[in-house]
Amino acid sequence: MILLETGEKKLIEVRRHWVLFAVQVALIAIMGIAPLLLAFAAKSFSPTPLDLEPLHIHLLLVAYVIFLIALWTLLFISWTHYYLDVWIVTDKRVIDFEFKGFFRYETTSLRLDRIQDISVQVNGIVANIFHYGDLHVETAGEHSDTFVIRGAASPNTVKQEILKLSNKLLDTAGSSAGI
């Protein structure tokens, strides 16, 4: 659950790009169909007919169903990572929610006035076409932290918004301090 401070407003929500999740779903689907294609190919290209006893057929079907259940679980884990790994940008801070396991997640936040550097890495032609990449935010201070969200959708737009909010907050703090 997202707990915002009093008067804090949620401005941006950043997740991994949907293309990365779609690729994972496609790979899981291919893994689910592959055993059927292999069985068909083995039956079609075998010089001698494959005569399996009914017990062996049932055991193969049970093994295939167990394999499909494992793939379904993998699909659920992929969706959960996609949905729960999120950055929330408010008018005061950046909050990082990272799913670590079924019953474990990590929440970290950093104040916008501590941001020292934001960098974006876009690797590959597909990432350029679909506008996703890695967003790195570094903080200033004795104990500097680095936040990373991998495969973020529109990372350059998010970077510009965070910098704009950070600069606005620093300008407000500087003018109130009489600088």
N, C-alpha and C. Protein backbone atom coordinates (compact mmCIF):
# COMPACT_ATOMS: atom_id res chain seq x y z
N MET A 1 0.84 -1.17 0.00
CA MET A 1 0.00 0.00 0.00
C MET A 1 0.89 1.23 0.00
N ILE A 2 0.52 2.20 -0.80
CA ILE A 2 1.29 3.42 -0.91
C ILE A 2 0.85 4.39 0.18
N LEU A 3 1.79 4.77 1.03
CA LEU A 3 1.51 5.73 2.07
C LEU A 3 2.19 7.05 1.71
N LEU A 4 1.38 8.03 1.39
CA LEU A 4 1.91 9.34 1.06
C LEU A 4 1.89 10.22 2.29
N GLU A 5 2.83 11.16 2.32
CA GLU A 5 2.88 12.11 3.42
C GLU A 5 1.72 13.09 3.29
N THR A 6 1.44 13.83 4.35
CA THR A 6 0.38 14.81 4.33
C THR A 6 0.67 15.89 3.29
N GLY A 7 -0.28 16.13 2.42
CA GLY A 7 -0.13 17.14 1.38
C GLY A 7 0.66 16.69 0.17
N GLU A 8 1.13 15.47 0.15
CA GLU A 8 1.92 14.95 -0.97
C GLU A 8 0.98 14.45 -2.07
N LYS A 9 1.33 14.75 -3.33
CA LYS A 9 0.49 14.36 -4.46
C LYS A 9 1.25 13.43 -5.39
N LYS A 10 0.59 12.36 -5.79
CA LYS A 10 1.16 11.42 -6.76
C LYS A 10 1.07 12.05 -8.14
N LEU A 11 2.22 12.13 -8.83
CA LEU A 11 2.26 12.77 -10.14
C LEU A 11 2.49 11.79 -11.29
N ILE A 12 3.42 10.85 -11.10
CA ILE A 12 3.78 9.93 -12.17
C ILE A 12 3.88 8.51 -11.61
N GLU A 13 3.45 7.55 -12.39
CA GLU A 13 3.63 6.13 -12.05
C GLU A 13 4.42 5.49 -13.20
N VAL A 14 5.55 4.90 -12.89
CA VAL A 14 6.44 4.34 -13.92
C VAL A 14 6.55 2.83 -13.71
N ARG A 15 6.31 2.09 -14.79
CA ARG A 15 6.45 0.63 -14.79
C ARG A 15 7.36 0.22 -15.94
N ARG A 16 7.70 -1.06 -15.94
CA ARG A 16 8.40 -1.59 -17.10
C ARG A 16 7.48 -1.47 -18.32
N HIS A 17 8.08 -1.38 -19.49
CA HIS A 17 7.30 -1.25 -20.71
C HIS A 17 6.55 -2.56 -20.97
N TRP A 18 5.36 -2.44 -21.52
CA TRP A 18 4.52 -3.62 -21.78
C TRP A 18 5.16 -4.58 -22.78
N VAL A 19 6.02 -4.09 -23.65
CA VAL A 19 6.66 -4.96 -24.64
C VAL A 19 7.50 -6.04 -23.95
N LEU A 20 8.18 -5.67 -22.88
CA LEU A 20 9.02 -6.64 -22.16
C LEU A 20 8.16 -7.74 -21.55
N PHE A 21 7.00 -7.38 -21.02
CA PHE A 21 6.09 -8.38 -20.48
C PHE A 21 5.53 -9.25 -21.60
N ALA A 22 5.20 -8.65 -22.75
CA ALA A 22 4.67 -9.41 -23.88
C ALA A 22 5.69 -10.42 -24.40
N VAL A 23 6.96 -10.05 -24.40
CA VAL A 23 8.01 -10.97 -24.83
C VAL A 23 8.09 -12.16 -23.87
N GLN A 24 7.99 -11.89 -22.57
CA GLN A 24 8.00 -12.99 -21.59
C GLN A 24 6.81 -13.92 -21.81
N VAL A 25 5.63 -13.35 -22.05
CA VAL A 25 4.44 -14.17 -22.29
C VAL A 25 4.63 -15.02 -23.55
N ALA A 26 5.17 -14.43 -24.60
CA ALA A 26 5.39 -15.18 -25.84
C ALA A 26 6.37 -16.33 -25.63
N LEU A 27 7.45 -16.08 -24.89
CA LEU A 27 8.42 -17.15 -24.63
C LEU A 27 7.80 -18.28 -23.81
N ILE A 28 6.98 -17.94 -22.84
CA ILE A 28 6.32 -18.97 -22.03
C ILE A 28 5.35 -19.76 -22.90
N ALA A 29 4.64 -19.09 -23.79
CA ALA A 29 3.72 -19.79 -24.70
C ALA A 29 4.47 -20.74 -25.62
N ILE A 30 5.60 -20.30 -26.15
CA ILE A 30 6.42 -21.16 -27.02
C ILE A 30 6.91 -22.37 -26.24
N MET A 31 7.31 -22.15 -24.99
CA MET A 31 7.77 -23.28 -24.16
C MET A 31 6.63 -24.27 -23.92
N GLY A 32 5.39 -23.79 -23.83
CA GLY A 32 4.24 -24.67 -23.61
C GLY A 32 3.88 -25.48 -24.83
N ILE A 33 4.10 -24.91 -26.02
CA ILE A 33 3.76 -25.59 -27.27
C ILE A 33 4.89 -26.50 -27.76
N ALA A 34 6.11 -26.20 -27.38
CA ALA A 34 7.28 -26.93 -27.88
C ALA A 34 7.19 -28.45 -27.67
N PRO A 35 6.80 -28.95 -26.50
CA PRO A 35 6.72 -30.41 -26.35
C PRO A 35 5.73 -31.07 -27.32
N LEU A 36 4.63 -30.38 -27.61
CA LEU A 36 3.66 -30.94 -28.57
C LEU A 36 4.26 -30.99 -29.96
N LEU A 37 4.98 -29.94 -30.35
CA LEU A 37 5.62 -29.92 -31.66
C LEU A 37 6.70 -30.99 -31.76
N LEU A 38 7.46 -31.18 -30.69
CA LEU A 38 8.49 -32.22 -30.68
C LEU A 38 7.87 -33.61 -30.79
N ALA A 39 6.77 -33.83 -30.08
CA ALA A 39 6.10 -35.13 -30.15
C ALA A 39 5.55 -35.37 -31.56
N PHE A 40 4.97 -34.34 -32.15
CA PHE A 40 4.46 -34.47 -33.53
C PHE A 40 5.59 -34.74 -34.51
N ALA A 41 6.71 -34.03 -34.35
CA ALA A 41 7.86 -34.23 -35.23
C ALA A 41 8.44 -35.63 -35.06
N ALA A 42 8.52 -36.11 -33.82
CA ALA A 42 9.05 -37.45 -33.57
C ALA A 42 8.16 -38.51 -34.21
N LYS A 43 6.85 -38.31 -34.14
CA LYS A 43 5.92 -39.27 -34.73
C LYS A 43 5.96 -39.21 -36.26
N SER A 44 6.06 -38.00 -36.81
CA SER A 44 6.02 -37.82 -38.26
C SER A 44 7.30 -38.29 -38.95
N PHE A 45 8.44 -38.04 -38.35
CA PHE A 45 9.71 -38.32 -39.01
C PHE A 45 10.36 -39.62 -38.56
N SER A 46 9.72 -40.35 -37.71
CA SER A 46 10.27 -41.63 -37.25
C SER A 46 10.07 -42.69 -38.33
N PRO A 47 11.13 -43.44 -38.65
CA PRO A 47 10.99 -44.48 -39.68
C PRO A 47 10.09 -45.62 -39.22
N THR A 48 10.03 -45.86 -37.94
CA THR A 48 9.16 -46.91 -37.41
C THR A 48 8.07 -46.26 -36.58
N PRO A 49 6.88 -46.81 -36.60
CA PRO A 49 5.80 -46.21 -35.82
C PRO A 49 6.11 -46.30 -34.31
N LEU A 50 5.76 -45.24 -33.61
CA LEU A 50 5.97 -45.21 -32.17
C LEU A 50 4.76 -45.85 -31.50
N ASP A 51 4.95 -47.04 -30.98
CA ASP A 51 3.87 -47.72 -30.29
C ASP A 51 4.12 -47.60 -28.79
N LEU A 52 3.33 -46.77 -28.16
CA LEU A 52 3.45 -46.59 -26.71
C LEU A 52 2.28 -47.28 -26.04
N GLU A 53 2.59 -47.85 -24.91
CA GLU A 53 1.53 -48.48 -24.12
C GLU A 53 0.68 -47.38 -23.48
N PRO A 54 -0.57 -47.69 -23.19
CA PRO A 54 -1.44 -46.67 -22.58
C PRO A 54 -0.87 -46.08 -21.29
N LEU A 55 -0.16 -46.89 -20.51
CA LEU A 55 0.43 -46.39 -19.28
C LEU A 55 1.47 -45.31 -19.58
N HIS A 56 2.29 -45.53 -20.59
CA HIS A 56 3.30 -44.55 -20.95
C HIS A 56 2.67 -43.26 -21.48
N ILE A 57 1.59 -43.40 -22.24
CA ILE A 57 0.89 -42.22 -22.75
C ILE A 57 0.34 -41.40 -21.59
N HIS A 58 -0.25 -42.09 -20.60
CA HIS A 58 -0.80 -41.39 -19.43
C HIS A 58 0.31 -40.71 -18.62
N LEU A 59 1.44 -41.38 -18.47
CA LEU A 59 2.56 -40.77 -17.74
C LEU A 59 3.09 -39.53 -18.47
N LEU A 60 3.18 -39.61 -19.80
CA LEU A 60 3.61 -38.45 -20.58
C LEU A 60 2.62 -37.30 -20.45
N LEU A 61 1.34 -37.62 -20.45
CA LEU A 61 0.32 -36.57 -20.29
C LEU A 61 0.39 -35.93 -18.91
N VAL A 62 0.59 -36.73 -17.89
CA VAL A 62 0.73 -36.18 -16.54
C VAL A 62 1.97 -35.29 -16.44
N ALA A 63 3.07 -35.73 -17.02
CA ALA A 63 4.29 -34.91 -17.01
C ALA A 63 4.07 -33.61 -17.77
N TYR A 64 3.35 -33.66 -18.88
CA TYR A 64 3.07 -32.45 -19.65
C TYR A 64 2.17 -31.48 -18.87
N VAL A 65 1.18 -32.01 -18.19
CA VAL A 65 0.30 -31.16 -17.38
C VAL A 65 1.08 -30.52 -16.24
N ILE A 66 1.96 -31.26 -15.60
CA ILE A 66 2.81 -30.68 -14.54
C ILE A 66 3.70 -29.58 -15.12
N PHE A 67 4.24 -29.82 -16.31
CA PHE A 67 5.04 -28.81 -16.99
C PHE A 67 4.22 -27.55 -17.29
N LEU A 68 2.97 -27.73 -17.74
CA LEU A 68 2.10 -26.58 -18.01
C LEU A 68 1.76 -25.82 -16.74
N ILE A 69 1.59 -26.51 -15.63
CA ILE A 69 1.33 -25.85 -14.35
C ILE A 69 2.55 -25.02 -13.94
N ALA A 70 3.74 -25.56 -14.14
CA ALA A 70 4.97 -24.80 -13.84
C ALA A 70 5.06 -23.56 -14.72
N LEU A 71 4.71 -23.69 -16.00
CA LEU A 71 4.72 -22.52 -16.89
C LEU A 71 3.67 -21.50 -16.48
N TRP A 72 2.50 -21.95 -16.06
CA TRP A 72 1.46 -21.05 -15.58
C TRP A 72 1.95 -20.28 -14.36
N THR A 73 2.65 -20.96 -13.47
CA THR A 73 3.21 -20.30 -12.30
C THR A 73 4.25 -19.26 -12.71
N LEU A 74 5.09 -19.60 -13.68
CA LEU A 74 6.08 -18.66 -14.20
C LEU A 74 5.40 -17.44 -14.83
N LEU A 75 4.32 -17.66 -15.53
CA LEU A 75 3.56 -16.56 -16.11
C LEU A 75 2.99 -15.66 -15.02
N PHE A 76 2.47 -16.26 -13.96
CA PHE A 76 1.93 -15.48 -12.84
C PHE A 76 3.03 -14.65 -12.17
N ILE A 77 4.21 -15.25 -11.98
CA ILE A 77 5.33 -14.51 -11.38
C ILE A 77 5.74 -13.35 -12.29
N SER A 78 5.79 -13.57 -13.60
CA SER A 78 6.15 -12.50 -14.53
C SER A 78 5.14 -11.36 -14.47
N TRP A 79 3.85 -11.68 -14.44
CA TRP A 79 2.83 -10.65 -14.36
C TRP A 79 2.93 -9.90 -13.04
N THR A 80 3.17 -10.62 -11.96
CA THR A 80 3.28 -9.98 -10.65
C THR A 80 4.45 -9.02 -10.61
N HIS A 81 5.59 -9.41 -11.18
CA HIS A 81 6.73 -8.49 -11.27
C HIS A 81 6.37 -7.27 -12.11
N TYR A 82 5.71 -7.49 -13.23
CA TYR A 82 5.34 -6.37 -14.09
C TYR A 82 4.42 -5.40 -13.35
N TYR A 83 3.44 -5.94 -12.63
CA TYR A 83 2.44 -5.09 -11.99
C TYR A 83 2.94 -4.44 -10.71
N LEU A 84 3.74 -5.15 -9.92
CA LEU A 84 4.13 -4.64 -8.60
C LEU A 84 5.45 -3.87 -8.59
N ASP A 85 6.32 -4.07 -9.57
CA ASP A 85 7.55 -3.28 -9.63
C ASP A 85 7.19 -1.92 -10.23
N VAL A 86 7.17 -0.90 -9.40
CA VAL A 86 6.69 0.41 -9.85
C VAL A 86 7.44 1.52 -9.14
N TRP A 87 7.58 2.64 -9.83
CA TRP A 87 8.08 3.87 -9.24
C TRP A 87 6.91 4.84 -9.17
N ILE A 88 6.77 5.47 -8.04
CA ILE A 88 5.78 6.52 -7.88
C ILE A 88 6.56 7.82 -7.68
N VAL A 89 6.31 8.80 -8.54
CA VAL A 89 6.93 10.11 -8.40
C VAL A 89 5.87 11.05 -7.85
N THR A 90 6.18 11.63 -6.70
CA THR A 90 5.27 12.60 -6.09
C THR A 90 5.91 13.98 -6.21
N ASP A 91 5.25 14.97 -5.63
CA ASP A 91 5.81 16.31 -5.68
C ASP A 91 6.93 16.50 -4.66
N LYS A 92 7.23 15.48 -3.83
CA LYS A 92 8.30 15.59 -2.83
C LYS A 92 9.37 14.50 -2.94
N ARG A 93 9.02 13.34 -3.50
CA ARG A 93 9.98 12.23 -3.51
C ARG A 93 9.68 11.22 -4.60
N VAL A 94 10.61 10.30 -4.77
CA VAL A 94 10.46 9.16 -5.67
C VAL A 94 10.39 7.92 -4.80
N ILE A 95 9.37 7.10 -4.99
CA ILE A 95 9.17 5.90 -4.19
C ILE A 95 9.35 4.70 -5.11
N ASP A 96 10.19 3.75 -4.70
CA ASP A 96 10.49 2.55 -5.49
C ASP A 96 9.90 1.34 -4.77
N PHE A 97 8.94 0.66 -5.42
CA PHE A 97 8.38 -0.59 -4.91
C PHE A 97 8.95 -1.70 -5.76
N GLU A 98 9.64 -2.63 -5.12
CA GLU A 98 10.24 -3.73 -5.87
C GLU A 98 9.81 -5.06 -5.26
N PHE A 99 9.18 -5.88 -6.09
CA PHE A 99 8.72 -7.21 -5.71
C PHE A 99 9.92 -8.14 -5.65
N LYS A 100 10.15 -8.77 -4.50
CA LYS A 100 11.31 -9.65 -4.33
C LYS A 100 10.93 -11.12 -4.27
N GLY A 101 9.71 -11.43 -3.96
CA GLY A 101 9.24 -12.81 -3.85
C GLY A 101 7.76 -12.77 -3.54
N PHE A 102 7.13 -13.93 -3.44
CA PHE A 102 5.68 -13.95 -3.24
C PHE A 102 5.24 -13.19 -2.00
N PHE A 103 6.00 -13.24 -0.95
CA PHE A 103 5.59 -12.58 0.28
C PHE A 103 6.62 -11.57 0.75
N ARG A 104 7.39 -11.04 -0.19
CA ARG A 104 8.44 -10.12 0.18
C ARG A 104 8.59 -9.04 -0.90
N TYR A 105 8.58 -7.80 -0.46
CA TYR A 105 8.86 -6.70 -1.36
C TYR A 105 9.65 -5.64 -0.61
N GLU A 106 10.24 -4.76 -1.37
CA GLU A 106 11.09 -3.73 -0.79
C GLU A 106 10.58 -2.36 -1.24
N THR A 107 10.46 -1.44 -0.31
CA THR A 107 10.03 -0.09 -0.62
C THR A 107 11.14 0.86 -0.20
N THR A 108 11.55 1.72 -1.13
CA THR A 108 12.59 2.70 -0.86
C THR A 108 12.13 4.03 -1.41
N SER A 109 12.52 5.10 -0.75
CA SER A 109 12.16 6.41 -1.29
C SER A 109 13.34 7.36 -1.16
N LEU A 110 13.36 8.35 -2.03
CA LEU A 110 14.36 9.40 -1.93
C LEU A 110 13.69 10.73 -2.21
N ARG A 111 14.15 11.72 -1.50
CA ARG A 111 13.59 13.06 -1.65
C ARG A 111 14.10 13.69 -2.95
N LEU A 112 13.24 14.44 -3.57
CA LEU A 112 13.61 15.08 -4.84
C LEU A 112 14.74 16.09 -4.68
N ASP A 113 14.84 16.71 -3.50
CA ASP A 113 15.89 17.71 -3.29
C ASP A 113 17.27 17.08 -3.13
N ARG A 114 17.35 15.74 -3.01
CA ARG A 114 18.64 15.06 -2.89
C ARG A 114 19.14 14.50 -4.22
N ILE A 115 18.36 14.63 -5.27
CA ILE A 115 18.76 14.06 -6.57
C ILE A 115 19.93 14.84 -7.13
N GLN A 116 20.95 14.09 -7.48
CA GLN A 116 22.16 14.70 -8.04
C GLN A 116 22.24 14.45 -9.55
N ASP A 117 21.89 13.26 -9.99
CA ASP A 117 22.05 12.92 -11.40
C ASP A 117 20.99 11.91 -11.80
N ILE A 118 20.51 12.06 -13.03
CA ILE A 118 19.58 11.09 -13.61
C ILE A 118 20.14 10.73 -14.98
N SER A 119 20.26 9.44 -15.24
CA SER A 119 20.74 9.01 -16.56
C SER A 119 19.80 7.96 -17.12
N VAL A 120 19.79 7.89 -18.45
CA VAL A 120 18.93 6.95 -19.17
C VAL A 120 19.82 6.12 -20.08
N GLN A 121 19.59 4.81 -20.09
CA GLN A 121 20.27 3.90 -21.01
C GLN A 121 19.21 3.23 -21.88
N VAL A 122 19.33 3.42 -23.19
CA VAL A 122 18.44 2.76 -24.14
C VAL A 122 19.33 1.88 -25.01
N ASN A 123 19.15 0.59 -24.91
CA ASN A 123 20.01 -0.36 -25.61
C ASN A 123 19.22 -1.14 -26.65
N GLY A 124 19.62 -1.00 -27.90
CA GLY A 124 19.05 -1.82 -28.96
C GLY A 124 18.00 -1.10 -29.78
N ILE A 125 17.75 -1.67 -30.95
CA ILE A 125 16.81 -1.06 -31.88
C ILE A 125 15.37 -1.19 -31.39
N VAL A 126 15.03 -2.32 -30.77
CA VAL A 126 13.67 -2.52 -30.27
C VAL A 126 13.37 -1.52 -29.17
N ALA A 127 14.33 -1.28 -28.28
CA ALA A 127 14.14 -0.31 -27.21
C ALA A 127 13.97 1.09 -27.78
N ASN A 128 14.68 1.42 -28.84
CA ASN A 128 14.52 2.73 -29.48
C ASN A 128 13.16 2.86 -30.16
N ILE A 129 12.70 1.80 -30.79
CA ILE A 129 11.41 1.85 -31.48
C ILE A 129 10.26 2.01 -30.49
N PHE A 130 10.32 1.23 -29.40
CA PHE A 130 9.22 1.24 -28.43
C PHE A 130 9.43 2.22 -27.27
N HIS A 131 10.52 2.94 -27.27
CA HIS A 131 10.81 3.98 -26.26
C HIS A 131 10.81 3.42 -24.84
N TYR A 132 11.72 2.49 -24.58
CA TYR A 132 11.92 2.04 -23.21
C TYR A 132 13.41 1.92 -22.94
N GLY A 133 13.77 1.96 -21.66
CA GLY A 133 15.17 1.86 -21.28
C GLY A 133 15.32 1.87 -19.78
N ASP A 134 16.57 1.85 -19.33
CA ASP A 134 16.87 1.85 -17.90
C ASP A 134 17.03 3.28 -17.42
N LEU A 135 16.42 3.57 -16.29
CA LEU A 135 16.47 4.90 -15.69
C LEU A 135 17.24 4.80 -14.38
N HIS A 136 18.33 5.57 -14.25
CA HIS A 136 19.17 5.57 -13.06
C HIS A 136 19.07 6.93 -12.38
N VAL A 137 18.73 6.94 -11.10
CA VAL A 137 18.67 8.18 -10.33
C VAL A 137 19.66 8.05 -9.19
N GLU A 138 20.58 9.02 -9.11
CA GLU A 138 21.58 9.03 -8.04
C GLU A 138 21.32 10.20 -7.12
N THR A 139 21.57 9.96 -5.83
CA THR A 139 21.36 11.01 -4.84
C THR A 139 22.70 11.57 -4.38
N ALA A 140 22.64 12.79 -3.87
CA ALA A 140 23.82 13.44 -3.32
C ALA A 140 23.89 13.14 -1.83
N GLY A 141 25.05 13.39 -1.26
CA GLY A 141 25.20 13.23 0.18
C GLY A 141 26.24 12.20 0.54
N GLU A 142 26.44 12.06 1.83
CA GLU A 142 27.44 11.14 2.35
C GLU A 142 27.09 9.69 2.01
N HIS A 143 25.82 9.36 2.13
CA HIS A 143 25.35 8.00 1.82
C HIS A 143 24.54 8.06 0.53
N SER A 144 25.23 8.14 -0.60
CA SER A 144 24.52 8.27 -1.87
C SER A 144 23.88 6.94 -2.24
N ASP A 145 22.70 7.03 -2.84
CA ASP A 145 21.94 5.87 -3.28
C ASP A 145 21.74 5.96 -4.78
N THR A 146 21.51 4.82 -5.40
CA THR A 146 21.16 4.79 -6.81
C THR A 146 19.90 3.97 -6.97
N PHE A 147 18.89 4.57 -7.58
CA PHE A 147 17.66 3.88 -7.91
C PHE A 147 17.74 3.48 -9.37
N VAL A 148 17.29 2.29 -9.68
CA VAL A 148 17.29 1.84 -11.07
C VAL A 148 15.95 1.18 -11.35
N ILE A 149 15.33 1.58 -12.44
CA ILE A 149 14.17 0.84 -12.94
C ILE A 149 14.52 0.39 -14.35
N ARG A 150 14.51 -0.91 -14.55
CA ARG A 150 14.93 -1.49 -15.82
C ARG A 150 13.72 -1.59 -16.76
N GLY A 151 13.94 -1.21 -18.00
CA GLY A 151 12.89 -1.32 -19.00
C GLY A 151 11.74 -0.35 -18.80
N ALA A 152 12.02 0.82 -18.23
CA ALA A 152 10.97 1.80 -17.97
C ALA A 152 10.39 2.35 -19.27
N ALA A 153 9.09 2.53 -19.27
CA ALA A 153 8.43 3.12 -20.42
C ALA A 153 8.73 4.62 -20.46
N SER A 154 9.06 5.14 -21.62
CA SER A 154 9.37 6.57 -21.86
C SER A 154 10.34 7.14 -20.82
N PRO A 155 11.54 6.58 -20.71
CA PRO A 155 12.46 7.02 -19.66
C PRO A 155 12.92 8.47 -19.80
N ASN A 156 13.05 8.97 -21.03
CA ASN A 156 13.47 10.36 -21.19
C ASN A 156 12.42 11.34 -20.71
N THR A 157 11.15 11.02 -20.94
CA THR A 157 10.06 11.86 -20.44
C THR A 157 10.04 11.86 -18.93
N VAL A 158 10.20 10.68 -18.33
CA VAL A 158 10.22 10.58 -16.87
C VAL A 158 11.41 11.34 -16.30
N LYS A 159 12.55 11.22 -16.95
CA LYS A 159 13.75 11.94 -16.51
C LYS A 159 13.50 13.44 -16.50
N GLN A 160 12.93 13.97 -17.58
CA GLN A 160 12.66 15.40 -17.66
C GLN A 160 11.68 15.85 -16.59
N GLU A 161 10.67 15.05 -16.32
CA GLU A 161 9.68 15.41 -15.29
C GLU A 161 10.31 15.42 -13.90
N ILE A 162 11.14 14.41 -13.61
CA ILE A 162 11.79 14.35 -12.30
C ILE A 162 12.75 15.52 -12.13
N LEU A 163 13.52 15.83 -13.18
CA LEU A 163 14.44 16.97 -13.10
C LEU A 163 13.68 18.28 -12.92
N LYS A 164 12.58 18.43 -13.62
CA LYS A 164 11.77 19.64 -13.48
C LYS A 164 11.24 19.78 -12.05
N LEU A 165 10.73 18.67 -11.49
CA LEU A 165 10.23 18.70 -10.11
C LEU A 165 11.36 18.97 -9.12
N SER A 166 12.51 18.34 -9.34
CA SER A 166 13.66 18.53 -8.45
C SER A 166 14.15 19.97 -8.48
N ASN A 167 14.27 20.53 -9.69
CA ASN A 167 14.72 21.92 -9.81
C ASN A 167 13.71 22.89 -9.20
N LYS A 168 12.44 22.63 -9.39
CA LYS A 168 11.39 23.47 -8.81
C LYS A 168 11.48 23.43 -7.28
N LEU A 169 11.69 22.26 -6.73
CA LEU A 169 11.79 22.11 -5.28
C LEU A 169 13.05 22.80 -4.76
N LEU A 170 14.17 22.68 -5.47
CA LEU A 170 15.41 23.34 -5.06
C LEU A 170 15.29 24.86 -5.17
N ASP A 171 14.62 25.36 -6.23
CA ASP A 171 14.43 26.80 -6.37
C ASP A 171 13.55 27.34 -5.26
N THR A 172 12.52 26.59 -4.88
CA THR A 172 11.63 27.00 -3.79
C THR A 172 12.40 27.03 -2.47
N ALA A 173 13.23 25.99 -2.24
CA ALA A 173 14.03 25.94 -1.01
C ALA A 173 15.06 27.05 -0.98
N GLY A 174 15.68 27.35 -2.14
CA GLY A 174 16.68 28.40 -2.22
C GLY A 174 16.08 29.77 -1.99
N SER A 175 14.90 30.03 -2.53
CA SER A 175 14.26 31.34 -2.36
C SER A 175 13.74 31.51 -0.95
N SER A 176 13.32 30.42 -0.29
CA SER A 176 12.83 30.54 1.09
C SER A 176 14.00 30.69 2.07
N ALA A 177 15.20 30.25 1.65
CA ALA A 177 16.37 30.40 2.51
C ALA A 177 17.01 31.77 2.31
N GLY A 178 16.52 32.55 1.37
CA GLY A 178 17.05 33.89 1.15
C GLY A 178 18.27 33.92 0.27
N ILE A 179 18.44 32.89 -0.55
CA ILE A 179 19.61 32.83 -1.44
C ILE A 179 19.31 33.55 -2.73
